[in-house]
Amino acid sequence: MKKLMLHLLCLLATANAIAQTDVTGMVVDKESNEPITGASVIVKGADGKIKKYTTSKSDGGFTMSLPSVAGCRLEVSMMSFAKKTIFLDSVSFPLTVRLEPGTTLLKEVTVKADRIREQGDTITYNVGSFAQQQDRSIGDVLKRMPGINVESSGKIQYQGEDINKFYIEGSDLLGGKYGIATNGISHEDVGAVEVMENHQPMQVLSGISFSDKAAINLKLKNKAKATWTFHGDAGGGYSWQPEGAIWDG
């Protein structure tokens, strides 16, 4: 029985590997043919939602894996270069993306953290980059993050699928009632939102059982972590037997 289960798991892993499409290539300067480091490389679906995101490495190379590239497009951008869009339906990999130098007029320069970062199966959204003045809760900001949908009840979906866990600083504090946090936590207390794709909530099954659902983790700002709360009570009165004042604190 154990051998049969192991065989089935191997077949499942093989099927998943076969189903994946590796989007690979290199970003270079069209004029000098030199590799471009740090270019933003995004794969978007037919609905315009972000499927994958990465940046080009020191040699200009990039690689991402997707279940399918049907209807998808690759968008590559870099400061001082014109944006390049490539439709992936009829291309072969690896790609060579040649960016043409372009000019950008900047009236004011403000240094900000990356809006979206990807590391392995974790995509990190910078809350400050998506927040607006009228937002009241973190749920209002989540609605603007690519790939995330928030219902009025606070229920969250990622890429059209319900999330399987909602963490705050890595802890599952609310269980399935995470709508309380979605609608109740101020976005000003949250520094980043992490989306953990293919998240297996049961650690004993990690690496054994595959999950196609995502989990969300809120990374709080330091000011929200270090909050002191005080509670106290006091009472007083007079007693006749025995006679005298009484108190409680």
C-alpha atoms as a PDB file:
ATOM      1  CA  MET A   1       0.000   0.000   0.000  1.00  0.00           C
ATOM      2  CA  LYS A   2       2.838   2.380   0.886  1.00  0.00           C
ATOM      3  CA  LYS A   3       4.556   1.615  -2.428  1.00  0.00           C
ATOM      4  CA  LEU A   4       1.303   2.314  -4.291  1.00  0.00           C
ATOM      5  CA  MET A   5       0.841   5.668  -2.540  1.00  0.00           C
ATOM      6  CA  LEU A   6       4.461   6.616  -3.268  1.00  0.00           C
ATOM      7  CA  HIS A   7       3.979   5.681  -6.912  1.00  0.00           C
ATOM      8  CA  LEU A   8       0.818   7.795  -7.151  1.00  0.00           C
ATOM      9  CA  LEU A   9       2.554  10.787  -5.554  1.00  0.00           C
ATOM     10  CA  CYS A  10       5.412  10.463  -8.045  1.00  0.00           C
ATOM     11  CA  LEU A  11       2.948  10.346 -10.931  1.00  0.00           C
ATOM     12  CA  LEU A  12       1.184  13.445  -9.552  1.00  0.00           C
ATOM     13  CA  ALA A  13       4.460  15.332  -9.208  1.00  0.00           C
ATOM     14  CA  THR A  14       5.443  14.301 -12.752  1.00  0.00           C
ATOM     15  CA  ALA A  15       2.086  15.451 -14.115  1.00  0.00           C
ATOM     16  CA  ASN A  16       2.429  18.817 -12.381  1.00  0.00           C
ATOM     17  CA  ALA A  17       5.950  19.236 -13.740  1.00  0.00           C
ATOM     18  CA  ILE A  18       4.792  18.396 -17.272  1.00  0.00           C
ATOM     19  CA  ALA A  19       1.878  20.822 -17.035  1.00  0.00           C
ATOM     20  CA  GLN A  20       4.160  23.739 -16.118  1.00  0.00           C
ATOM     21  CA  THR A  21       5.435  26.100 -18.808  1.00  0.00           C
ATOM     22  CA  ASP A  22       8.795  27.752 -18.161  1.00  0.00           C
ATOM     23  CA  VAL A  23       8.836  31.370 -19.315  1.00  0.00           C
ATOM     24  CA  THR A  24      12.538  32.095 -19.704  1.00  0.00           C
ATOM     25  CA  GLY A  25      14.636  34.651 -21.493  1.00  0.00           C
ATOM     26  CA  MET A  26      17.043  37.558 -21.299  1.00  0.00           C
ATOM     27  CA  VAL A  27      16.591  41.327 -21.255  1.00  0.00           C
ATOM     28  CA  VAL A  28      19.195  43.288 -23.227  1.00  0.00           C
ATOM     29  CA  ASP A  29      19.829  46.824 -24.428  1.00  0.00           C
ATOM     30  CA  LYS A  30      18.861  46.916 -28.117  1.00  0.00           C
ATOM     31  CA  GLU A  31      21.659  49.347 -29.014  1.00  0.00           C
ATOM     32  CA  SER A  32      24.589  47.887 -27.073  1.00  0.00           C
ATOM     33  CA  ASN A  33      23.292  44.304 -26.724  1.00  0.00           C
ATOM     34  CA  GLU A  34      24.409  44.446 -23.070  1.00  0.00           C
ATOM     35  CA  PRO A  35      22.292  42.639 -20.427  1.00  0.00           C
ATOM     36  CA  ILE A  36      19.939  44.795 -18.346  1.00  0.00           C
ATOM     37  CA  THR A  37      19.798  44.087 -14.610  1.00  0.00           C
ATOM     38  CA  GLY A  38      16.708  44.773 -12.483  1.00  0.00           C
ATOM     39  CA  ALA A  39      14.162  45.104 -15.288  1.00  0.00           C
ATOM     40  CA  SER A  40      10.564  44.431 -14.225  1.00  0.00           C
ATOM     41  CA  VAL A  41       9.213  41.287 -15.922  1.00  0.00           C
ATOM     42  CA  ILE A  42       5.479  40.605 -15.525  1.00  0.00           C
ATOM     43  CA  VAL A  43       3.200  37.947 -17.015  1.00  0.00           C
ATOM     44  CA  LYS A  44      -0.440  39.049 -17.264  1.00  0.00           C
ATOM     45  CA  GLY A  45      -3.440  36.939 -18.187  1.00  0.00           C
ATOM     46  CA  ALA A  46      -6.131  37.787 -20.730  1.00  0.00           C
ATOM     47  CA  ASP A  47      -8.050  39.498 -17.901  1.00  0.00           C
ATOM     48  CA  GLY A  48      -5.116  41.818 -17.186  1.00  0.00           C
ATOM     49  CA  LYS A  49      -4.357  40.251 -13.801  1.00  0.00           C
ATOM     50  CA  ILE A  50      -0.764  39.539 -12.806  1.00  0.00           C
ATOM     51  CA  LYS A  51       0.092  35.840 -13.045  1.00  0.00           C
ATOM     52  CA  LYS A  52       3.803  36.032 -12.257  1.00  0.00           C
ATOM     53  CA  TYR A  53       6.350  38.743 -11.486  1.00  0.00           C
ATOM     54  CA  THR A  54      10.134  38.803 -11.322  1.00  0.00           C
ATOM     55  CA  THR A  55      13.133  40.977 -12.182  1.00  0.00           C
ATOM     56  CA  SER A  56      16.031  40.296 -14.526  1.00  0.00           C
ATOM     57  CA  LYS A  57      19.247  39.032 -12.920  1.00  0.00           C
ATOM     58  CA  SER A  58      22.790  40.341 -13.291  1.00  0.00           C
ATOM     59  CA  ASP A  59      23.144  38.528 -16.628  1.00  0.00           C
ATOM     60  CA  GLY A  60      19.777  39.871 -17.811  1.00  0.00           C
ATOM     61  CA  GLY A  61      18.133  36.479 -17.436  1.00  0.00           C
ATOM     62  CA  PHE A  62      14.701  35.725 -16.009  1.00  0.00           C
ATOM     63  CA  THR A  63      12.617  32.598 -15.447  1.00  0.00           C
ATOM     64  CA  MET A  64       9.062  31.911 -14.264  1.00  0.00           C
ATOM     65  CA  SER A  65       6.836  28.827 -14.293  1.00  0.00           C
ATOM     66  CA  LEU A  66       3.123  28.902 -15.133  1.00  0.00           C
ATOM     67  CA  PRO A  67       0.495  26.205 -15.721  1.00  0.00           C
ATOM     68  CA  SER A  68      -0.267  27.756 -19.129  1.00  0.00           C
ATOM     69  CA  VAL A  69       0.622  30.861 -21.151  1.00  0.00           C
ATOM     70  CA  ALA A  70      -2.496  30.771 -23.329  1.00  0.00           C
ATOM     71  CA  GLY A  71      -3.840  34.302 -23.706  1.00  0.00           C
ATOM     72  CA  CYS A  72      -0.982  35.723 -21.598  1.00  0.00           C
ATOM     73  CA  ARG A  73       1.370  38.584 -22.379  1.00  0.00           C
ATOM     74  CA  LEU A  74       4.819  39.482 -21.101  1.00  0.00           C
ATOM     75  CA  GLU A  75       5.473  43.081 -20.071  1.00  0.00           C
ATOM     76  CA  VAL A  76       9.073  44.214 -19.545  1.00  0.00           C
ATOM     77  CA  SER A  77       9.919  47.699 -18.296  1.00  0.00           C
ATOM     78  CA  MET A  78      12.946  49.541 -16.987  1.00  0.00           C
ATOM     79  CA  MET A  79      13.718  53.168 -16.164  1.00  0.00           C
ATOM     80  CA  SER A  80      15.202  54.996 -19.183  1.00  0.00           C
ATOM     81  CA  PHE A  81      13.840  52.344 -21.577  1.00  0.00           C
ATOM     82  CA  ALA A  82      10.584  52.049 -23.511  1.00  0.00           C
ATOM     83  CA  LYS A  83       8.173  49.405 -22.198  1.00  0.00           C
ATOM     84  CA  LYS A  84       8.030  46.156 -24.211  1.00  0.00           C
ATOM     85  CA  THR A  85       4.965  43.902 -24.525  1.00  0.00           C
ATOM     86  CA  ILE A  86       5.135  40.385 -26.012  1.00  0.00           C
ATOM     87  CA  PHE A  87       2.125  38.079 -26.483  1.00  0.00           C
ATOM     88  CA  LEU A  88       3.095  34.548 -25.458  1.00  0.00           C
ATOM     89  CA  ASP A  89       0.617  32.465 -27.493  1.00  0.00           C
ATOM     90  CA  SER A  90       2.946  31.879 -30.430  1.00  0.00           C
ATOM     91  CA  VAL A  91       6.497  32.374 -29.152  1.00  0.00           C
ATOM     92  CA  SER A  92       9.249  29.934 -28.232  1.00  0.00           C
ATOM     93  CA  PHE A  93      11.488  30.085 -25.196  1.00  0.00           C
ATOM     94  CA  PRO A  94      14.000  31.333 -24.220  1.00  0.00           C
ATOM     95  CA  LEU A  95      13.086  34.858 -25.354  1.00  0.00           C
ATOM     96  CA  THR A  96      15.446  37.722 -26.032  1.00  0.00           C
ATOM     97  CA  VAL A  97      13.721  40.954 -25.049  1.00  0.00           C
ATOM     98  CA  ARG A  98      15.457  43.969 -26.590  1.00  0.00           C
ATOM     99  CA  LEU A  99      14.558  47.227 -24.878  1.00  0.00           C
ATOM    100  CA  GLU A 100      14.952  50.495 -26.754  1.00  0.00           C
ATOM    101  CA  PRO A 101      16.334  53.485 -24.844  1.00  0.00           C
ATOM    102  CA  GLY A 102      13.680  56.048 -24.013  1.00  0.00           C
ATOM    103  CA  THR A 103      13.497  59.314 -22.113  1.00  0.00           C
ATOM    104  CA  THR A 104      11.352  59.909 -19.036  1.00  0.00           C
ATOM    105  CA  LEU A 105      10.585  63.427 -17.824  1.00  0.00           C
ATOM    106  CA  LEU A 106      10.569  63.531 -14.039  1.00  0.00           C
ATOM    107  CA  LYS A 107       9.210  66.609 -12.267  1.00  0.00           C
ATOM    108  CA  GLU A 108       9.879  65.182  -8.835  1.00  0.00           C
ATOM    109  CA  VAL A 109      11.707  62.056  -7.732  1.00  0.00           C
ATOM    110  CA  THR A 110      10.450  60.081  -4.756  1.00  0.00           C
ATOM    111  CA  VAL A 111      12.168  56.868  -3.639  1.00  0.00           C
ATOM    112  CA  LYS A 112       9.651  54.202  -2.693  1.00  0.00           C
ATOM    113  CA  ALA A 113       9.759  50.493  -1.909  1.00  0.00           C
ATOM    114  CA  ASP A 114       8.824  48.044  -4.673  1.00  0.00           C
ATOM    115  CA  ARG A 115       5.057  47.778  -5.120  1.00  0.00           C
ATOM    116  CA  ILE A 116       5.289  44.016  -5.677  1.00  0.00           C
ATOM    117  CA  ARG A 117       8.138  41.610  -4.908  1.00  0.00           C
ATOM    118  CA  GLU A 118       8.354  37.891  -5.548  1.00  0.00           C
ATOM    119  CA  GLN A 119      10.538  35.396  -3.713  1.00  0.00           C
ATOM    120  CA  GLY A 120       9.845  31.750  -4.425  1.00  0.00           C
ATOM    121  CA  ASP A 121       6.118  31.098  -3.927  1.00  0.00           C
ATOM    122  CA  THR A 122       5.631  34.286  -1.876  1.00  0.00           C
ATOM    123  CA  ILE A 123       4.450  37.541  -3.451  1.00  0.00           C
ATOM    124  CA  THR A 124       4.772  40.637  -1.248  1.00  0.00           C
ATOM    125  CA  TYR A 125       2.619  43.712  -1.804  1.00  0.00           C
ATOM    126  CA  ASN A 126       3.715  47.041  -0.302  1.00  0.00           C
ATOM    127  CA  VAL A 127       0.583  48.426   1.386  1.00  0.00           C
ATOM    128  CA  GLY A 128       1.657  52.066   1.138  1.00  0.00           C
ATOM    129  CA  SER A 129       1.910  51.777  -2.651  1.00  0.00           C
ATOM    130  CA  PHE A 130      -1.746  50.743  -2.990  1.00  0.00           C
ATOM    131  CA  ALA A 131      -3.381  52.734  -0.150  1.00  0.00           C
ATOM    132  CA  GLN A 132      -5.494  55.818  -0.799  1.00  0.00           C
ATOM    133  CA  GLN A 133      -6.638  58.596   1.498  1.00  0.00           C
ATOM    134  CA  GLN A 134     -10.247  57.391   1.755  1.00  0.00           C
ATOM    135  CA  ASP A 135      -9.290  53.841   2.814  1.00  0.00           C
ATOM    136  CA  ARG A 136     -10.516  52.825   6.251  1.00  0.00           C
ATOM    137  CA  SER A 137      -9.356  49.210   6.621  1.00  0.00           C
ATOM    138  CA  ILE A 138      -6.798  46.840   5.149  1.00  0.00           C
ATOM    139  CA  GLY A 139      -9.670  45.279   3.171  1.00  0.00           C
ATOM    140  CA  ASP A 140     -10.048  48.500   1.159  1.00  0.00           C
ATOM    141  CA  VAL A 141      -6.390  48.302   0.133  1.00  0.00           C
ATOM    142  CA  LEU A 142      -6.469  44.557  -0.619  1.00  0.00           C
ATOM    143  CA  LYS A 143      -9.134  45.211  -3.278  1.00  0.00           C
ATOM    144  CA  ARG A 144      -6.599  47.173  -5.344  1.00  0.00           C
ATOM    145  CA  MET A 145      -3.848  44.569  -5.211  1.00  0.00           C
ATOM    146  CA  PRO A 146      -3.540  42.572  -8.459  1.00  0.00           C
ATOM    147  CA  GLY A 147      -4.968  39.066  -8.207  1.00  0.00           C
ATOM    148  CA  ILE A 148      -6.798  39.690  -4.899  1.00  0.00           C
ATOM    149  CA  ASN A 149     -10.574  40.029  -4.566  1.00  0.00           C
ATOM    150  CA  VAL A 150     -12.353  41.014  -1.324  1.00  0.00           C
ATOM    151  CA  GLU A 151     -16.096  40.563  -0.820  1.00  0.00           C
ATOM    152  CA  SER A 152     -18.219  42.854   1.371  1.00  0.00           C
ATOM    153  CA  SER A 153     -18.190  40.179   4.097  1.00  0.00           C
ATOM    154  CA  GLY A 154     -14.397  40.338   4.221  1.00  0.00           C
ATOM    155  CA  LYS A 155     -13.938  36.992   2.440  1.00  0.00           C
ATOM    156  CA  ILE A 156     -10.766  36.941   0.298  1.00  0.00           C
ATOM    157  CA  GLN A 157     -10.020  35.207  -2.989  1.00  0.00           C
ATOM    158  CA  TYR A 158      -6.693  35.029  -4.805  1.00  0.00           C
ATOM    159  CA  GLN A 159      -6.746  34.460  -8.571  1.00  0.00           C
ATOM    160  CA  GLY A 160     -10.433  33.496  -8.273  1.00  0.00           C
ATOM    161  CA  GLU A 161      -9.901  30.849  -5.545  1.00  0.00           C
ATOM    162  CA  ASP A 162     -10.723  31.137  -1.821  1.00  0.00           C
ATOM    163  CA  ILE A 163      -7.626  31.447   0.358  1.00  0.00           C
ATOM    164  CA  ASN A 164      -7.048  28.578   2.788  1.00  0.00           C
ATOM    165  CA  LYS A 165      -5.425  30.546   5.639  1.00  0.00           C
ATOM    166  CA  PHE A 166      -5.217  34.107   6.936  1.00  0.00           C
ATOM    167  CA  TYR A 167      -2.249  34.911   9.156  1.00  0.00           C
ATOM    168  CA  ILE A 168      -1.220  37.962  11.161  1.00  0.00           C
ATOM    169  CA  GLU A 169       2.541  37.982  11.697  1.00  0.00           C
ATOM    170  CA  GLY A 170       2.604  34.282  10.831  1.00  0.00           C
ATOM    171  CA  SER A 171      -0.048  33.281  13.395  1.00  0.00           C
ATOM    172  CA  ASP A 172      -3.556  32.027  12.663  1.00  0.00           C
ATOM    173  CA  LEU A 173      -5.313  34.142  15.296  1.00  0.00           C
ATOM    174  CA  LEU A 174      -8.848  34.199  13.889  1.00  0.00           C
ATOM    175  CA  GLY A 175      -9.320  30.856  12.156  1.00  0.00           C
ATOM    176  CA  GLY A 176     -12.009  31.080   9.510  1.00  0.00           C
ATOM    177  CA  LYS A 177     -13.372  34.370  10.909  1.00  0.00           C
ATOM    178  CA  TYR A 178     -10.666  36.482   9.299  1.00  0.00           C
ATOM    179  CA  GLY A 179     -13.290  38.904   7.930  1.00  0.00           C
ATOM    180  CA  ILE A 180     -13.027  40.610  11.326  1.00  0.00           C
ATOM    181  CA  ALA A 181      -9.426  41.519  10.532  1.00  0.00           C
ATOM    182  CA  THR A 182     -10.099  42.387   6.890  1.00  0.00           C
ATOM    183  CA  ASN A 183     -12.733  44.946   7.833  1.00  0.00           C
ATOM    184  CA  GLY A 184     -11.372  45.919  11.248  1.00  0.00           C
ATOM    185  CA  ILE A 185      -7.594  46.403  10.972  1.00  0.00           C
ATOM    186  CA  SER A 186      -6.448  49.838   9.839  1.00  0.00           C
ATOM    187  CA  HIS A 187      -4.290  49.772   6.729  1.00  0.00           C
ATOM    188  CA  GLU A 188      -1.961  52.245   8.482  1.00  0.00           C
ATOM    189  CA  ASP A 189      -0.939  49.441  10.882  1.00  0.00           C
ATOM    190  CA  VAL A 190       0.058  47.051   8.067  1.00  0.00           C
ATOM    191  CA  GLY A 191       3.375  47.407   6.248  1.00  0.00           C
ATOM    192  CA  ALA A 192       3.047  44.570   3.741  1.00  0.00           C
ATOM    193  CA  VAL A 193       0.708  41.812   2.581  1.00  0.00           C
ATOM    194  CA  GLU A 194       2.281  38.455   1.734  1.00  0.00           C
ATOM    195  CA  VAL A 195       0.523  36.013  -0.583  1.00  0.00           C
ATOM    196  CA  MET A 196       1.897  32.488  -0.173  1.00  0.00           C
ATOM    197  CA  GLU A 197       0.960  30.507  -3.284  1.00  0.00           C
ATOM    198  CA  ASN A 198       0.416  26.718  -3.169  1.00  0.00           C
ATOM    199  CA  HIS A 199       0.236  26.957   0.623  1.00  0.00           C
ATOM    200  CA  GLN A 200      -0.110  23.729   2.609  1.00  0.00           C
ATOM    201  CA  PRO A 201      -1.512  24.737   6.043  1.00  0.00           C
ATOM    202  CA  MET A 202      -0.779  21.325   7.588  1.00  0.00           C
ATOM    203  CA  GLN A 203       2.964  21.221   8.190  1.00  0.00           C
ATOM    204  CA  VAL A 204       3.045  17.424   8.390  1.00  0.00           C
ATOM    205  CA  LEU A 205       1.881  17.301   4.748  1.00  0.00           C
ATOM    206  CA  SER A 206       4.294  19.967   3.500  1.00  0.00           C
ATOM    207  CA  GLY A 207       6.231  18.573   0.553  1.00  0.00           C
ATOM    208  CA  ILE A 208       3.959  15.523   0.390  1.00  0.00           C
ATOM    209  CA  SER A 209       0.486  16.805  -0.403  1.00  0.00           C
ATOM    210  CA  PHE A 210       0.133  19.545  -3.037  1.00  0.00           C
ATOM    211  CA  SER A 211      -2.140  22.574  -2.492  1.00  0.00           C
ATOM    212  CA  ASP A 212      -3.257  24.877  -5.305  1.00  0.00           C
ATOM    213  CA  LYS A 213      -4.636  27.506  -2.919  1.00  0.00           C
ATOM    214  CA  ALA A 214      -2.951  30.521  -1.389  1.00  0.00           C
ATOM    215  CA  ALA A 215      -2.674  31.966   2.105  1.00  0.00           C
ATOM    216  CA  ILE A 216      -2.349  35.603   3.148  1.00  0.00           C
ATOM    217  CA  ASN A 217      -0.103  36.964   5.897  1.00  0.00           C
ATOM    218  CA  LEU A 218      -0.252  40.534   7.231  1.00  0.00           C
ATOM    219  CA  LYS A 219       3.113  42.027   8.204  1.00  0.00           C
ATOM    220  CA  LEU A 220       2.468  44.697  10.819  1.00  0.00           C
ATOM    221  CA  LYS A 221       4.431  47.892  11.271  1.00  0.00           C
ATOM    222  CA  ASN A 222       6.570  48.140  14.407  1.00  0.00           C
ATOM    223  CA  LYS A 223       4.261  50.746  15.938  1.00  0.00           C
ATOM    224  CA  ALA A 224       1.356  48.284  15.687  1.00  0.00           C
ATOM    225  CA  LYS A 225       3.362  45.479  17.321  1.00  0.00           C
ATOM    226  CA  ALA A 226       4.529  47.499  20.355  1.00  0.00           C
ATOM    227  CA  THR A 227       1.245  48.743  21.785  1.00  0.00           C
ATOM    228  CA  TRP A 228       0.815  48.912  25.580  1.00  0.00           C
ATOM    229  CA  THR A 229      -2.609  48.404  27.131  1.00  0.00           C
ATOM    230  CA  PHE A 230      -3.578  49.028  30.768  1.00  0.00           C
ATOM    231  CA  HIS A 231      -6.550  47.798  32.772  1.00  0.00           C
ATOM    232  CA  GLY A 232      -7.498  48.442  36.352  1.00  0.00           C
ATOM    233  CA  ASP A 233     -10.396  48.866  38.783  1.00  0.00           C
ATOM    234  CA  ALA A 234     -10.929  50.480  42.190  1.00  0.00           C
ATOM    235  CA  GLY A 235     -13.697  50.541  44.803  1.00  0.00           C
ATOM    236  CA  GLY A 236     -14.367  51.983  48.248  1.00  0.00           C
ATOM    237  CA  GLY A 237     -17.000  52.204  50.983  1.00  0.00           C
ATOM    238  CA  TYR A 238     -17.694  52.156  54.743  1.00  0.00           C
ATOM    239  CA  SER A 239     -18.454  49.203  57.011  1.00  0.00           C
ATOM    240  CA  TRP A 240     -20.428  49.329  60.267  1.00  0.00           C
ATOM    241  CA  GLN A 241     -19.540  45.833  61.427  1.00  0.00           C
ATOM    242  CA  PRO A 242     -16.657  46.076  61.925  1.00  0.00           C
ATOM    243  CA  GLU A 243     -16.697  49.839  61.726  1.00  0.00           C
ATOM    244  CA  GLY A 244     -14.256  51.470  59.362  1.00  0.00           C
ATOM    245  CA  ALA A 245     -13.447  52.208  55.778  1.00  0.00           C
ATOM    246  CA  ILE A 246     -13.098  49.443  53.224  1.00  0.00           C
ATOM    247  CA  TRP A 247     -11.449  49.535  49.859  1.00  0.00           C
ATOM    248  CA  ASP A 248     -10.429  47.357  46.977  1.00  0.00           C
ATOM    249  CA  GLY A 249      -7.937  48.155  44.178  1.00  0.00           C
END
